[in-house]
């Protein structure tokens, strides 16, 4: 991922890469299995894999990983729209950030969504399960607007609008529908957007274990320095504390 302000120009609707195609096929395959299990075999796959609230009896540790991989089995149209958004934006954003940068952004959005969703459920007591790739998709839309703010996109394939306004509008609409309590998944979506935005605006080292190890090493070095006293060469009295060096 290039530093902000040094990104290479990109267009819009760049074809999916190999990674994008694999992810899209994975989502489709999981959703088909979910439909068969839920609608035909009576297996509560969604309840097992969606992110429940701790203490509610419906929370399992693996849900922290599985929640972005599944979708509401009762909303196939929403799933198809999600896939369409992924198709239009994933290849474009990946071409700008690189494969690793794209994956980090995508995962950051899923992690942020899980954190916000769990906190909101614990604080407010809504108790609804969270699932789907929508937080990551909204993050892709917002980041695309930051990467190419002046690029013109046909909204709904009809209305020409600059990417930066789509980015701003995505955040505003998500926030307003959450505040108006018309979107029960608003906290889930906003958490994904927020952490993805923070990751995009900050160094990519945030998700690099070597960077954290280096920061820890620097912290220990600073602590060690506090145990040392600088010798200035001046004569000291008998009451001066001993110098450690």
C-alpha atoms as a PDB file:
ATOM      1  CA  UNK A   1       0.000   0.000   0.000  1.00  0.00           C
ATOM      2  CA  UNK A   2       1.519   3.294  -1.031  1.00  0.00           C
ATOM      3  CA  UNK A   3       1.681   6.220   1.347  1.00  0.00           C
ATOM      4  CA  UNK A   4      -1.260   8.580   1.246  1.00  0.00           C
ATOM      5  CA  UNK A   5      -0.739  11.170  -1.450  1.00  0.00           C
ATOM      6  CA  UNK A   6       1.473   8.812  -3.466  1.00  0.00           C
ATOM      7  CA  UNK A   7      -1.130   6.402  -4.794  1.00  0.00           C
ATOM      8  CA  UNK A   8      -1.155   5.478  -8.429  1.00  0.00           C
ATOM      9  CA  UNK A   9      -4.181   6.644 -10.458  1.00  0.00           C
ATOM     10  CA  UNK A  10      -6.948   4.100 -10.898  1.00  0.00           C
ATOM     11  CA  UNK A  11     -10.163   3.955 -12.823  1.00  0.00           C
ATOM     12  CA  UNK A  12     -13.496   2.457 -11.927  1.00  0.00           C
ATOM     13  CA  UNK A  13     -14.922  -1.002 -12.370  1.00  0.00           C
ATOM     14  CA  UNK A  14     -11.557  -2.653 -12.831  1.00  0.00           C
ATOM     15  CA  UNK A  15     -12.195  -6.391 -13.328  1.00  0.00           C
ATOM     16  CA  UNK A  16     -11.965  -8.696 -10.345  1.00  0.00           C
ATOM     17  CA  UNK A  17      -8.583 -10.201  -9.669  1.00  0.00           C
ATOM     18  CA  UNK A  18      -8.062 -13.872  -8.949  1.00  0.00           C
ATOM     19  CA  UNK A  19      -8.519 -13.126  -5.260  1.00  0.00           C
ATOM     20  CA  UNK A  20     -11.750 -11.246  -5.887  1.00  0.00           C
ATOM     21  CA  UNK A  21     -13.159 -14.091  -7.959  1.00  0.00           C
ATOM     22  CA  UNK A  22     -12.254 -16.624  -5.266  1.00  0.00           C
ATOM     23  CA  UNK A  23     -13.896 -14.496  -2.571  1.00  0.00           C
ATOM     24  CA  UNK A  24     -17.047 -14.012  -4.628  1.00  0.00           C
ATOM     25  CA  UNK A  25     -17.319 -17.733  -5.371  1.00  0.00           C
ATOM     26  CA  UNK A  26     -16.733 -18.508  -1.704  1.00  0.00           C
ATOM     27  CA  UNK A  27     -19.548 -16.167  -0.650  1.00  0.00           C
ATOM     28  CA  UNK A  28     -21.882 -17.698  -3.237  1.00  0.00           C
ATOM     29  CA  UNK A  29     -21.008 -21.251  -2.223  1.00  0.00           C
ATOM     30  CA  UNK A  30     -21.503 -20.565   1.485  1.00  0.00           C
ATOM     31  CA  UNK A  31     -24.841 -18.872   0.817  1.00  0.00           C
ATOM     32  CA  UNK A  32     -26.131 -21.772  -1.281  1.00  0.00           C
ATOM     33  CA  UNK A  33     -25.160 -24.232   1.454  1.00  0.00           C
ATOM     34  CA  UNK A  34     -26.797 -21.968   3.986  1.00  0.00           C
ATOM     35  CA  UNK A  35     -30.052 -21.874   2.011  1.00  0.00           C
ATOM     36  CA  UNK A  36     -30.091 -25.654   1.634  1.00  0.00           C
ATOM     37  CA  UNK A  37     -29.407 -26.143   5.327  1.00  0.00           C
ATOM     38  CA  UNK A  38     -31.859 -23.527   6.581  1.00  0.00           C
ATOM     39  CA  UNK A  39     -34.733 -23.919   4.142  1.00  0.00           C
ATOM     40  CA  UNK A  40     -34.588 -27.609   3.224  1.00  0.00           C
ATOM     41  CA  UNK A  41     -32.868 -29.467   6.038  1.00  0.00           C
ATOM     42  CA  UNK A  42     -33.888 -27.343   8.996  1.00  0.00           C
ATOM     43  CA  UNK A  43     -30.300 -26.793  10.159  1.00  0.00           C
ATOM     44  CA  UNK A  44     -29.897 -23.407  11.939  1.00  0.00           C
ATOM     45  CA  UNK A  45     -26.666 -22.485  10.189  1.00  0.00           C
ATOM     46  CA  UNK A  46     -27.297 -18.752  10.463  1.00  0.00           C
ATOM     47  CA  UNK A  47     -27.815 -18.988  14.223  1.00  0.00           C
ATOM     48  CA  UNK A  48     -24.582 -20.928  14.619  1.00  0.00           C
ATOM     49  CA  UNK A  49     -22.408 -18.673  12.486  1.00  0.00           C
ATOM     50  CA  UNK A  50     -23.883 -15.166  12.879  1.00  0.00           C
ATOM     51  CA  UNK A  51     -22.383 -12.992  15.621  1.00  0.00           C
ATOM     52  CA  UNK A  52     -24.535 -13.348  18.731  1.00  0.00           C
ATOM     53  CA  UNK A  53     -24.326 -11.513  22.049  1.00  0.00           C
ATOM     54  CA  UNK A  54     -22.113 -12.968  24.799  1.00  0.00           C
ATOM     55  CA  UNK A  55     -24.257 -14.245  27.654  1.00  0.00           C
ATOM     56  CA  UNK A  56     -27.329 -14.670  25.488  1.00  0.00           C
ATOM     57  CA  UNK A  57     -26.785 -18.362  24.901  1.00  0.00           C
ATOM     58  CA  UNK A  58     -26.357 -17.784  21.179  1.00  0.00           C
ATOM     59  CA  UNK A  59     -22.727 -16.690  21.192  1.00  0.00           C
ATOM     60  CA  UNK A  60     -19.886 -18.982  20.169  1.00  0.00           C
ATOM     61  CA  UNK A  61     -16.205 -17.993  19.786  1.00  0.00           C
ATOM     62  CA  UNK A  62     -16.031 -19.078  16.147  1.00  0.00           C
ATOM     63  CA  UNK A  63     -18.668 -16.483  15.262  1.00  0.00           C
ATOM     64  CA  UNK A  64     -15.949 -13.831  15.484  1.00  0.00           C
ATOM     65  CA  UNK A  65     -14.537 -15.378  12.309  1.00  0.00           C
ATOM     66  CA  UNK A  66     -17.667 -16.661  10.563  1.00  0.00           C
ATOM     67  CA  UNK A  67     -19.964 -13.636  10.867  1.00  0.00           C
ATOM     68  CA  UNK A  68     -18.771 -11.857   7.684  1.00  0.00           C
ATOM     69  CA  UNK A  69     -19.014 -15.043   5.618  1.00  0.00           C
ATOM     70  CA  UNK A  70     -22.759 -15.637   5.878  1.00  0.00           C
ATOM     71  CA  UNK A  71     -25.900 -13.687   5.049  1.00  0.00           C
ATOM     72  CA  UNK A  72     -29.536 -13.639   6.017  1.00  0.00           C
ATOM     73  CA  UNK A  73     -31.100 -16.672   4.303  1.00  0.00           C
ATOM     74  CA  UNK A  74     -34.386 -14.788   4.079  1.00  0.00           C
ATOM     75  CA  UNK A  75     -32.918 -12.006   1.909  1.00  0.00           C
ATOM     76  CA  UNK A  76     -31.468 -13.465  -1.303  1.00  0.00           C
ATOM     77  CA  UNK A  77     -32.013 -10.172  -3.163  1.00  0.00           C
ATOM     78  CA  UNK A  78     -29.871  -8.328  -0.612  1.00  0.00           C
ATOM     79  CA  UNK A  79     -27.181 -10.955  -1.024  1.00  0.00           C
ATOM     80  CA  UNK A  80     -27.173 -10.505  -4.796  1.00  0.00           C
ATOM     81  CA  UNK A  81     -26.916  -6.733  -4.406  1.00  0.00           C
ATOM     82  CA  UNK A  82     -23.972  -7.212  -2.044  1.00  0.00           C
ATOM     83  CA  UNK A  83     -22.265  -9.370  -4.643  1.00  0.00           C
ATOM     84  CA  UNK A  84     -22.891  -6.693  -7.273  1.00  0.00           C
ATOM     85  CA  UNK A  85     -21.284  -4.020  -5.106  1.00  0.00           C
ATOM     86  CA  UNK A  86     -18.329  -6.306  -4.458  1.00  0.00           C
ATOM     87  CA  UNK A  87     -17.973  -6.906  -8.200  1.00  0.00           C
ATOM     88  CA  UNK A  88     -17.844  -3.190  -9.000  1.00  0.00           C
ATOM     89  CA  UNK A  89     -15.549  -1.992  -6.210  1.00  0.00           C
ATOM     90  CA  UNK A  90     -13.306  -4.871  -5.097  1.00  0.00           C
ATOM     91  CA  UNK A  91     -11.079  -5.006  -8.171  1.00  0.00           C
ATOM     92  CA  UNK A  92     -10.720  -1.227  -8.257  1.00  0.00           C
ATOM     93  CA  UNK A  93      -9.689  -0.882  -4.618  1.00  0.00           C
ATOM     94  CA  UNK A  94      -7.379  -3.899  -4.795  1.00  0.00           C
ATOM     95  CA  UNK A  95      -5.604  -2.434  -7.824  1.00  0.00           C
ATOM     96  CA  UNK A  96      -4.792   0.664  -5.753  1.00  0.00           C
ATOM     97  CA  UNK A  97      -3.927  -0.939  -2.411  1.00  0.00           C
ATOM     98  CA  UNK A  98      -2.435  -4.196  -3.606  1.00  0.00           C
ATOM     99  CA  UNK A  99      -3.651  -7.638  -2.581  1.00  0.00           C
ATOM    100  CA  UNK A 100      -2.313  -7.467   0.960  1.00  0.00           C
ATOM    101  CA  UNK A 101      -3.562  -3.941   1.496  1.00  0.00           C
ATOM    102  CA  UNK A 102      -6.981  -4.906   0.185  1.00  0.00           C
ATOM    103  CA  UNK A 103      -7.205  -7.913   2.499  1.00  0.00           C
ATOM    104  CA  UNK A 104      -6.084  -5.850   5.487  1.00  0.00           C
ATOM    105  CA  UNK A 105      -8.724  -3.241   4.776  1.00  0.00           C
ATOM    106  CA  UNK A 106     -11.399  -5.886   4.279  1.00  0.00           C
ATOM    107  CA  UNK A 107     -10.485  -7.686   7.501  1.00  0.00           C
ATOM    108  CA  UNK A 108     -10.231  -4.410   9.424  1.00  0.00           C
ATOM    109  CA  UNK A 109     -13.809  -3.588   8.443  1.00  0.00           C
ATOM    110  CA  UNK A 110     -15.035  -7.012   9.604  1.00  0.00           C
ATOM    111  CA  UNK A 111     -13.179  -6.656  12.914  1.00  0.00           C
ATOM    112  CA  UNK A 112     -14.495  -3.136  13.474  1.00  0.00           C
ATOM    113  CA  UNK A 113     -18.020  -4.299  12.713  1.00  0.00           C
ATOM    114  CA  UNK A 114     -17.760  -7.150  15.239  1.00  0.00           C
ATOM    115  CA  UNK A 115     -16.424  -4.865  17.976  1.00  0.00           C
ATOM    116  CA  UNK A 116     -19.087  -2.209  17.427  1.00  0.00           C
ATOM    117  CA  UNK A 117     -21.880  -4.769  17.135  1.00  0.00           C
ATOM    118  CA  UNK A 118     -20.917  -6.548  20.340  1.00  0.00           C
ATOM    119  CA  UNK A 119     -20.532  -3.293  22.265  1.00  0.00           C
ATOM    120  CA  UNK A 120     -23.869  -1.998  21.015  1.00  0.00           C
ATOM    121  CA  UNK A 121     -25.640  -5.214  21.973  1.00  0.00           C
ATOM    122  CA  UNK A 122     -24.063  -5.203  25.424  1.00  0.00           C
ATOM    123  CA  UNK A 123     -24.849  -1.536  26.085  1.00  0.00           C
ATOM    124  CA  UNK A 124     -28.321  -1.306  24.599  1.00  0.00           C
ATOM    125  CA  UNK A 125     -29.435  -4.898  24.902  1.00  0.00           C
ATOM    126  CA  UNK A 126     -30.797  -5.232  21.376  1.00  0.00           C
ATOM    127  CA  UNK A 127     -29.577  -8.804  21.138  1.00  0.00           C
ATOM    128  CA  UNK A 128     -29.770  -9.180  17.369  1.00  0.00           C
ATOM    129  CA  UNK A 129     -27.248 -11.329  15.471  1.00  0.00           C
ATOM    130  CA  UNK A 130     -24.880  -9.613  13.068  1.00  0.00           C
ATOM    131  CA  UNK A 131     -23.690 -11.129   9.815  1.00  0.00           C
ATOM    132  CA  UNK A 132     -22.753 -10.315   6.248  1.00  0.00           C
ATOM    133  CA  UNK A 133     -20.076  -8.573   4.243  1.00  0.00           C
ATOM    134  CA  UNK A 134     -21.901  -5.231   4.197  1.00  0.00           C
ATOM    135  CA  UNK A 135     -19.462  -3.472   6.605  1.00  0.00           C
ATOM    136  CA  UNK A 136     -16.545  -4.418   4.355  1.00  0.00           C
ATOM    137  CA  UNK A 137     -18.471  -3.375   1.244  1.00  0.00           C
ATOM    138  CA  UNK A 138     -19.323   0.015   2.727  1.00  0.00           C
ATOM    139  CA  UNK A 139     -15.651   0.393   3.633  1.00  0.00           C
ATOM    140  CA  UNK A 140     -14.683  -0.329   0.013  1.00  0.00           C
ATOM    141  CA  UNK A 141     -17.088   2.348  -1.229  1.00  0.00           C
ATOM    142  CA  UNK A 142     -15.789   4.918   1.260  1.00  0.00           C
ATOM    143  CA  UNK A 143     -12.142   4.140   0.511  1.00  0.00           C
ATOM    144  CA  UNK A 144     -12.787   4.297  -3.227  1.00  0.00           C
ATOM    145  CA  UNK A 145     -14.106   7.828  -2.765  1.00  0.00           C
ATOM    146  CA  UNK A 146     -10.936   8.732  -0.867  1.00  0.00           C
ATOM    147  CA  UNK A 147      -8.693   7.191  -3.501  1.00  0.00           C
ATOM    148  CA  UNK A 148     -10.387   8.776  -6.517  1.00  0.00           C
ATOM    149  CA  UNK A 149     -12.560  11.646  -5.247  1.00  0.00           C
ATOM    150  CA  UNK A 150     -13.049  13.247  -8.682  1.00  0.00           C
ATOM    151  CA  UNK A 151     -13.913  10.043 -10.562  1.00  0.00           C
ATOM    152  CA  UNK A 152     -17.449  10.133 -11.977  1.00  0.00           C
ATOM    153  CA  UNK A 153     -19.624   7.092 -11.263  1.00  0.00           C
ATOM    154  CA  UNK A 154     -23.086   6.395 -12.625  1.00  0.00           C
ATOM    155  CA  UNK A 155     -25.215   6.009  -9.520  1.00  0.00           C
ATOM    156  CA  UNK A 156     -27.875   3.357 -10.125  1.00  0.00           C
ATOM    157  CA  UNK A 157     -26.387   3.220 -13.670  1.00  0.00           C
ATOM    158  CA  UNK A 158     -28.117   6.536 -14.462  1.00  0.00           C
ATOM    159  CA  UNK A 159     -27.088   9.502 -12.315  1.00  0.00           C
ATOM    160  CA  UNK A 160     -23.477  10.730 -12.776  1.00  0.00           C
ATOM    161  CA  UNK A 161     -21.923  11.617  -9.428  1.00  0.00           C
ATOM    162  CA  UNK A 162     -18.382  12.072  -8.180  1.00  0.00           C
ATOM    163  CA  UNK A 163     -16.929   9.297  -6.074  1.00  0.00           C
ATOM    164  CA  UNK A 164     -16.214  11.578  -3.121  1.00  0.00           C
ATOM    165  CA  UNK A 165     -19.920  12.374  -2.771  1.00  0.00           C
ATOM    166  CA  UNK A 166     -20.781   8.680  -2.834  1.00  0.00           C
ATOM    167  CA  UNK A 167     -18.220   8.196  -0.080  1.00  0.00           C
ATOM    168  CA  UNK A 168     -19.624  11.007   2.056  1.00  0.00           C
ATOM    169  CA  UNK A 169     -23.183   9.959   1.362  1.00  0.00           C
ATOM    170  CA  UNK A 170     -22.495   6.380   2.404  1.00  0.00           C
ATOM    171  CA  UNK A 171     -21.274   7.496   5.816  1.00  0.00           C
ATOM    172  CA  UNK A 172     -24.038  10.060   6.314  1.00  0.00           C
ATOM    173  CA  UNK A 173     -26.875   7.738   5.317  1.00  0.00           C
ATOM    174  CA  UNK A 174     -25.519   4.911   7.482  1.00  0.00           C
ATOM    175  CA  UNK A 175     -25.192   7.233  10.478  1.00  0.00           C
ATOM    176  CA  UNK A 176     -28.626   8.832  10.032  1.00  0.00           C
ATOM    177  CA  UNK A 177     -30.463   5.532   9.611  1.00  0.00           C
ATOM    178  CA  UNK A 178     -28.705   4.283  12.738  1.00  0.00           C
ATOM    179  CA  UNK A 179     -29.649   7.364  14.765  1.00  0.00           C
ATOM    180  CA  UNK A 180     -33.219   7.170  13.473  1.00  0.00           C
ATOM    181  CA  UNK A 181     -33.307   3.524  14.592  1.00  0.00           C
ATOM    182  CA  UNK A 182     -34.452   2.427  11.159  1.00  0.00           C
ATOM    183  CA  UNK A 183     -31.313   0.365  10.623  1.00  0.00           C
ATOM    184  CA  UNK A 184     -30.797  -2.145  13.455  1.00  0.00           C
ATOM    185  CA  UNK A 185     -27.428  -3.051  11.960  1.00  0.00           C
ATOM    186  CA  UNK A 186     -26.212   0.544  11.933  1.00  0.00           C
ATOM    187  CA  UNK A 187     -23.646   0.046  14.707  1.00  0.00           C
ATOM    188  CA  UNK A 188     -22.305  -3.021  12.910  1.00  0.00           C
ATOM    189  CA  UNK A 189     -21.939  -1.091   9.669  1.00  0.00           C
ATOM    190  CA  UNK A 190     -20.484   2.064  11.226  1.00  0.00           C
ATOM    191  CA  UNK A 191     -17.932   0.075  13.194  1.00  0.00           C
ATOM    192  CA  UNK A 192     -16.698  -1.528  10.008  1.00  0.00           C
ATOM    193  CA  UNK A 193     -16.448   1.801   8.202  1.00  0.00           C
ATOM    194  CA  UNK A 194     -14.674   3.468  11.137  1.00  0.00           C
ATOM    195  CA  UNK A 195     -11.933   0.899  11.650  1.00  0.00           C
ATOM    196  CA  UNK A 196     -11.356   0.536   7.909  1.00  0.00           C
ATOM    197  CA  UNK A 197     -11.056   4.316   7.602  1.00  0.00           C
ATOM    198  CA  UNK A 198      -8.604   4.456  10.509  1.00  0.00           C
ATOM    199  CA  UNK A 199      -6.559   1.687   8.953  1.00  0.00           C
ATOM    200  CA  UNK A 200      -6.586   3.428   5.570  1.00  0.00           C
ATOM    201  CA  UNK A 201      -5.522   6.778   7.008  1.00  0.00           C
ATOM    202  CA  UNK A 202      -2.847   5.340   9.264  1.00  0.00           C
ATOM    203  CA  UNK A 203       0.295   3.321   8.556  1.00  0.00           C
ATOM    204  CA  UNK A 204      -0.232  -0.176   7.226  1.00  0.00           C
ATOM    205  CA  UNK A 205       2.033  -1.398  10.020  1.00  0.00           C
ATOM    206  CA  UNK A 206      -1.019  -1.525  12.291  1.00  0.00           C
ATOM    207  CA  UNK A 207      -1.652  -5.070  11.116  1.00  0.00           C
ATOM    208  CA  UNK A 208       2.007  -6.029  10.837  1.00  0.00           C
ATOM    209  CA  UNK A 209       3.252  -8.144  13.758  1.00  0.00           C
ATOM    210  CA  UNK A 210       6.835  -7.046  13.097  1.00  0.00           C
ATOM    211  CA  UNK A 211       5.826  -3.414  13.567  1.00  0.00           C
ATOM    212  CA  UNK A 212       4.246  -4.204  16.952  1.00  0.00           C
ATOM    213  CA  UNK A 213       7.352  -6.132  18.007  1.00  0.00           C
ATOM    214  CA  UNK A 214       9.510  -3.153  17.063  1.00  0.00           C
ATOM    215  CA  UNK A 215       7.260  -0.777  19.036  1.00  0.00           C
ATOM    216  CA  UNK A 216       7.502  -3.073  22.050  1.00  0.00           C
ATOM    217  CA  UNK A 217      11.287  -3.124  21.700  1.00  0.00           C
ATOM    218  CA  UNK A 218      11.348   0.701  21.611  1.00  0.00           C
ATOM    219  CA  UNK A 219       9.130   0.820  24.701  1.00  0.00           C
ATOM    220  CA  UNK A 220      11.510  -1.460  26.607  1.00  0.00           C
ATOM    221  CA  UNK A 221      14.479   0.623  25.498  1.00  0.00           C
ATOM    222  CA  UNK A 222      12.832   3.772  26.866  1.00  0.00           C
ATOM    223  CA  UNK A 223      12.166   2.041  30.163  1.00  0.00           C
ATOM    224  CA  UNK A 224      15.783   0.931  30.436  1.00  0.00           C
ATOM    225  CA  UNK A 225      17.012   4.462  29.770  1.00  0.00           C
ATOM    226  CA  UNK A 226      15.108   5.768  32.804  1.00  0.00           C
ATOM    227  CA  UNK A 227      17.357   3.616  35.037  1.00  0.00           C
ATOM    228  CA  UNK A 228      20.490   5.398  33.880  1.00  0.00           C
ATOM    229  CA  UNK A 229      21.896   8.733  35.028  1.00  0.00           C
ATOM    230  CA  UNK A 230      23.936  10.903  32.716  1.00  0.00           C
ATOM    231  CA  UNK A 231      27.432  11.742  34.036  1.00  0.00           C
ATOM    232  CA  UNK A 232      28.082  15.429  33.392  1.00  0.00           C
ATOM    233  CA  UNK A 233      31.708  15.418  34.664  1.00  0.00           C
ATOM    234  CA  UNK A 234      31.001  17.839  37.526  1.00  0.00           C
ATOM    235  CA  UNK A 235      32.051  17.129  41.107  1.00  0.00           C
ATOM    236  CA  UNK A 236      29.246  15.664  43.139  1.00  0.00           C
ATOM    237  CA  UNK A 237      28.598  15.764  46.846  1.00  0.00           C
ATOM    238  CA  UNK A 238      28.534  12.801  49.148  1.00  0.00           C
ATOM    239  CA  UNK A 239      24.740  12.869  49.230  1.00  0.00           C
ATOM    240  CA  UNK A 240      24.362  12.434  45.503  1.00  0.00           C
ATOM    241  CA  UNK A 241      22.850   9.135  44.526  1.00  0.00           C
ATOM    242  CA  UNK A 242      25.162   6.683  42.812  1.00  0.00           C
ATOM    243  CA  UNK A 243      25.355   6.818  39.074  1.00  0.00           C
ATOM    244  CA  UNK A 244      24.298   3.729  37.201  1.00  0.00           C
ATOM    245  CA  UNK A 245      26.022   3.143  33.879  1.00  0.00           C
END
